[in-house]
């Protein structure tokens, strides 16, 4: 993890603060960590997006697919329809 070198001041309402405090206490972490996690989840960096996309592919259910020759024939048929 990179060194924390920026300070952010955000005003929030009492309800949100209590939710953050409660979750931080439950998990034994700081409110700041929860806010950083929320930022990373909502605005993932390029590496996180690639990792999430890869995980989605790995988690996908298996499915039957035609053999490569049949797929090629289907692709050629679609291409010829587009050109017509």
N, C-alpha and C. Protein backbone atom coordinates (compact mmCIF):
# COMPACT_ATOMS: atom_id res chain seq x y z
N UNK A 1 0.84 -1.18 0.00
CA UNK A 1 0.00 0.00 0.00
C UNK A 1 0.88 1.24 0.00
N UNK A 2 0.42 2.27 -0.68
CA UNK A 2 1.21 3.50 -0.75
C UNK A 2 1.14 4.26 0.57
N UNK A 3 2.12 5.15 0.75
CA UNK A 3 2.14 5.96 1.96
C UNK A 3 1.00 6.97 1.90
N UNK A 4 0.33 7.15 3.01
CA UNK A 4 -0.75 8.12 3.08
C UNK A 4 -0.15 9.49 3.28
N UNK A 5 -0.36 10.38 2.30
CA UNK A 5 0.28 11.69 2.37
C UNK A 5 -0.67 12.84 2.05
N UNK A 6 -1.97 12.56 1.94
CA UNK A 6 -2.95 13.62 1.68
C UNK A 6 -4.03 13.57 2.76
N UNK A 7 -4.45 14.74 3.16
CA UNK A 7 -5.52 14.84 4.17
C UNK A 7 -6.78 15.30 3.47
N UNK A 8 -7.92 14.73 3.86
CA UNK A 8 -9.21 15.08 3.29
C UNK A 8 -10.17 15.39 4.42
N UNK A 9 -10.83 16.53 4.35
CA UNK A 9 -11.83 16.86 5.36
C UNK A 9 -13.19 16.87 4.68
N UNK A 10 -14.09 16.05 5.21
CA UNK A 10 -15.43 15.93 4.64
C UNK A 10 -16.44 16.06 5.77
N UNK A 11 -17.45 16.87 5.56
CA UNK A 11 -18.52 17.00 6.54
C UNK A 11 -19.62 16.01 6.19
N UNK A 12 -20.06 15.23 7.19
CA UNK A 12 -21.14 14.27 6.98
C UNK A 12 -22.16 14.43 8.11
N UNK A 13 -23.34 13.90 7.90
CA UNK A 13 -24.38 13.99 8.91
C UNK A 13 -24.16 12.94 10.00
N UNK A 14 -24.89 13.10 11.08
CA UNK A 14 -24.74 12.23 12.25
C UNK A 14 -25.02 10.76 11.92
N UNK A 15 -26.04 10.52 11.12
CA UNK A 15 -26.39 9.14 10.78
C UNK A 15 -25.26 8.41 10.06
N UNK A 16 -24.66 9.08 9.09
CA UNK A 16 -23.53 8.46 8.38
C UNK A 16 -22.34 8.24 9.31
N UNK A 17 -22.07 9.22 10.17
CA UNK A 17 -20.96 9.08 11.11
C UNK A 17 -21.17 7.87 12.03
N UNK A 18 -22.39 7.73 12.53
CA UNK A 18 -22.67 6.61 13.41
C UNK A 18 -22.52 5.27 12.69
N UNK A 19 -22.95 5.21 11.44
CA UNK A 19 -22.78 3.98 10.65
C UNK A 19 -21.31 3.65 10.47
N UNK A 20 -20.50 4.68 10.17
CA UNK A 20 -19.06 4.46 10.02
C UNK A 20 -18.42 4.01 11.32
N UNK A 21 -18.76 4.69 12.41
CA UNK A 21 -18.20 4.31 13.71
C UNK A 21 -18.58 2.89 14.11
N UNK A 22 -19.82 2.55 13.89
CA UNK A 22 -20.30 1.22 14.25
C UNK A 22 -19.57 0.14 13.45
N UNK A 23 -19.44 0.34 12.15
CA UNK A 23 -18.75 -0.64 11.31
C UNK A 23 -17.27 -0.70 11.63
N UNK A 24 -16.65 0.44 11.87
CA UNK A 24 -15.24 0.46 12.23
C UNK A 24 -15.02 -0.31 13.53
N UNK A 25 -15.87 -0.09 14.50
CA UNK A 25 -15.75 -0.82 15.75
C UNK A 25 -15.96 -2.31 15.58
N UNK A 26 -16.95 -2.67 14.78
CA UNK A 26 -17.24 -4.08 14.53
C UNK A 26 -16.04 -4.79 13.90
N UNK A 27 -15.39 -4.10 12.96
CA UNK A 27 -14.26 -4.70 12.24
C UNK A 27 -12.91 -4.44 12.91
N UNK A 28 -12.88 -3.55 13.87
CA UNK A 28 -11.63 -3.23 14.54
C UNK A 28 -10.67 -2.44 13.65
N UNK A 29 -11.23 -1.53 12.85
CA UNK A 29 -10.42 -0.69 11.96
C UNK A 29 -10.80 0.76 12.17
N UNK A 30 -10.07 1.65 11.53
CA UNK A 30 -10.37 3.08 11.66
C UNK A 30 -11.47 3.49 10.68
N UNK A 31 -12.13 4.60 11.03
CA UNK A 31 -13.12 5.18 10.12
C UNK A 31 -12.43 5.58 8.82
N UNK A 32 -11.20 6.10 8.92
CA UNK A 32 -10.46 6.48 7.71
C UNK A 32 -10.27 5.32 6.76
N UNK A 33 -9.98 4.13 7.31
CA UNK A 33 -9.82 2.95 6.46
C UNK A 33 -11.12 2.63 5.74
N UNK A 34 -12.24 2.73 6.45
CA UNK A 34 -13.53 2.48 5.81
C UNK A 34 -13.77 3.45 4.65
N UNK A 35 -13.44 4.71 4.85
CA UNK A 35 -13.62 5.71 3.80
C UNK A 35 -12.72 5.40 2.61
N UNK A 36 -11.45 5.03 2.87
CA UNK A 36 -10.55 4.67 1.76
C UNK A 36 -11.06 3.45 1.01
N UNK A 37 -11.58 2.46 1.73
CA UNK A 37 -12.14 1.28 1.07
C UNK A 37 -13.35 1.64 0.21
N UNK A 38 -14.19 2.54 0.72
CA UNK A 38 -15.37 2.97 -0.04
C UNK A 38 -14.95 3.69 -1.32
N UNK A 39 -13.93 4.51 -1.23
CA UNK A 39 -13.43 5.21 -2.42
C UNK A 39 -12.90 4.20 -3.43
N UNK A 40 -12.10 3.24 -2.97
CA UNK A 40 -11.53 2.23 -3.87
C UNK A 40 -12.61 1.39 -4.53
N UNK A 41 -13.68 1.08 -3.78
CA UNK A 41 -14.76 0.27 -4.34
C UNK A 41 -15.56 1.06 -5.38
N UNK A 42 -15.85 2.31 -5.07
CA UNK A 42 -16.69 3.14 -5.97
C UNK A 42 -15.91 3.65 -7.17
N UNK A 43 -14.61 3.94 -6.99
CA UNK A 43 -13.78 4.49 -8.05
C UNK A 43 -12.50 3.66 -8.19
N UNK A 44 -12.63 2.44 -8.72
CA UNK A 44 -11.45 1.57 -8.79
C UNK A 44 -10.42 2.11 -9.77
N UNK A 45 -9.16 1.88 -9.46
CA UNK A 45 -8.09 2.23 -10.38
C UNK A 45 -8.02 1.19 -11.49
N UNK A 46 -7.15 1.40 -12.45
CA UNK A 46 -7.04 0.48 -13.58
C UNK A 46 -6.74 -0.95 -13.14
N UNK A 47 -5.83 -1.11 -12.20
CA UNK A 47 -5.46 -2.46 -11.74
C UNK A 47 -6.65 -3.15 -11.09
N UNK A 48 -7.41 -2.41 -10.28
CA UNK A 48 -8.57 -3.00 -9.63
C UNK A 48 -9.64 -3.38 -10.65
N UNK A 49 -9.84 -2.54 -11.66
CA UNK A 49 -10.83 -2.86 -12.69
C UNK A 49 -10.45 -4.12 -13.45
N UNK A 50 -9.17 -4.24 -13.80
CA UNK A 50 -8.72 -5.45 -14.50
C UNK A 50 -8.88 -6.67 -13.62
N UNK A 51 -8.53 -6.54 -12.35
CA UNK A 51 -8.65 -7.66 -11.42
C UNK A 51 -10.11 -8.07 -11.27
N UNK A 52 -11.01 -7.10 -11.17
CA UNK A 52 -12.44 -7.40 -11.03
C UNK A 52 -12.98 -8.05 -12.30
N UNK A 53 -12.53 -7.57 -13.46
CA UNK A 53 -12.99 -8.17 -14.72
C UNK A 53 -12.50 -9.61 -14.84
N UNK A 54 -11.26 -9.85 -14.47
CA UNK A 54 -10.73 -11.21 -14.51
C UNK A 54 -11.49 -12.11 -13.55
N UNK A 55 -11.78 -11.62 -12.37
CA UNK A 55 -12.51 -12.43 -11.40
C UNK A 55 -13.91 -12.74 -11.91
N UNK A 56 -14.55 -11.78 -12.58
CA UNK A 56 -15.89 -12.02 -13.13
C UNK A 56 -15.83 -13.13 -14.18
N UNK A 57 -14.79 -13.14 -15.00
CA UNK A 57 -14.64 -14.21 -16.01
C UNK A 57 -14.42 -15.54 -15.31
N UNK A 58 -13.56 -15.56 -14.31
CA UNK A 58 -13.28 -16.81 -13.60
C UNK A 58 -14.50 -17.32 -12.85
N UNK A 59 -15.35 -16.43 -12.38
CA UNK A 59 -16.54 -16.82 -11.63
C UNK A 59 -17.71 -17.20 -12.52
N UNK A 60 -17.61 -16.93 -13.82
CA UNK A 60 -18.73 -17.21 -14.74
C UNK A 60 -18.98 -18.71 -14.81
N UNK A 61 -20.25 -19.06 -14.99
CA UNK A 61 -20.61 -20.46 -15.12
C UNK A 61 -20.11 -21.01 -16.45
N UNK A 62 -19.77 -22.28 -16.43
CA UNK A 62 -19.34 -22.94 -17.67
C UNK A 62 -20.52 -23.03 -18.62
N UNK A 63 -20.21 -23.04 -19.92
CA UNK A 63 -21.27 -23.18 -20.91
C UNK A 63 -20.73 -23.94 -22.10
N UNK A 64 -21.63 -24.62 -22.79
CA UNK A 64 -21.23 -25.35 -23.98
C UNK A 64 -21.02 -24.37 -25.12
N UNK A 65 -19.98 -24.58 -25.90
CA UNK A 65 -19.71 -23.75 -27.07
C UNK A 65 -19.46 -24.66 -28.26
N UNK A 66 -19.80 -24.18 -29.45
CA UNK A 66 -19.54 -24.99 -30.65
C UNK A 66 -18.05 -25.14 -30.90
N UNK A 67 -17.71 -26.10 -31.76
CA UNK A 67 -16.30 -26.27 -32.10
C UNK A 67 -15.84 -25.09 -32.95
N UNK A 68 -14.54 -24.84 -33.07
CA UNK A 68 -14.02 -23.67 -33.79
C UNK A 68 -14.50 -23.58 -35.24
N UNK A 69 -14.62 -24.70 -35.93
CA UNK A 69 -15.08 -24.64 -37.33
C UNK A 69 -16.51 -24.11 -37.42
N UNK A 70 -17.37 -24.55 -36.51
CA UNK A 70 -18.75 -24.09 -36.51
C UNK A 70 -18.81 -22.60 -36.15
N UNK A 71 -18.00 -22.18 -35.19
CA UNK A 71 -17.96 -20.76 -34.83
C UNK A 71 -17.50 -19.92 -36.02
N UNK A 72 -16.50 -20.40 -36.74
CA UNK A 72 -16.00 -19.69 -37.91
C UNK A 72 -17.10 -19.56 -38.97
N UNK A 73 -17.83 -20.63 -39.20
CA UNK A 73 -18.92 -20.60 -40.18
C UNK A 73 -19.99 -19.59 -39.76
N UNK A 74 -20.33 -19.57 -38.48
CA UNK A 74 -21.33 -18.61 -37.99
C UNK A 74 -20.85 -17.17 -38.17
N UNK A 75 -19.59 -16.94 -37.89
CA UNK A 75 -19.02 -15.60 -38.04
C UNK A 75 -19.04 -15.18 -39.51
N UNK A 76 -18.67 -16.06 -40.40
CA UNK A 76 -18.69 -15.74 -41.83
C UNK A 76 -20.11 -15.44 -42.30
N UNK A 77 -21.09 -16.19 -41.80
CA UNK A 77 -22.48 -15.94 -42.17
C UNK A 77 -22.92 -14.57 -41.70
N UNK A 78 -22.56 -14.19 -40.50
CA UNK A 78 -22.90 -12.86 -39.98
C UNK A 78 -22.23 -11.76 -40.79
N UNK A 79 -20.96 -11.96 -41.14
CA UNK A 79 -20.25 -10.97 -41.94
C UNK A 79 -20.90 -10.80 -43.31
N UNK A 80 -21.30 -11.89 -43.94
CA UNK A 80 -21.90 -11.79 -45.28
C UNK A 80 -23.25 -11.09 -45.21
N UNK A 81 -24.00 -11.27 -44.12
CA UNK A 81 -25.28 -10.56 -43.96
C UNK A 81 -25.06 -9.06 -43.80
N UNK A 82 -24.00 -8.69 -43.10
CA UNK A 82 -23.71 -7.27 -42.88
C UNK A 82 -23.33 -6.58 -44.18
N UNK A 83 -22.60 -7.27 -45.04
CA UNK A 83 -22.12 -6.68 -46.30
C UNK A 83 -23.23 -6.60 -47.33
N UNK A 84 -24.30 -7.36 -47.18
CA UNK A 84 -25.38 -7.38 -48.17
C UNK A 84 -26.30 -6.20 -48.03
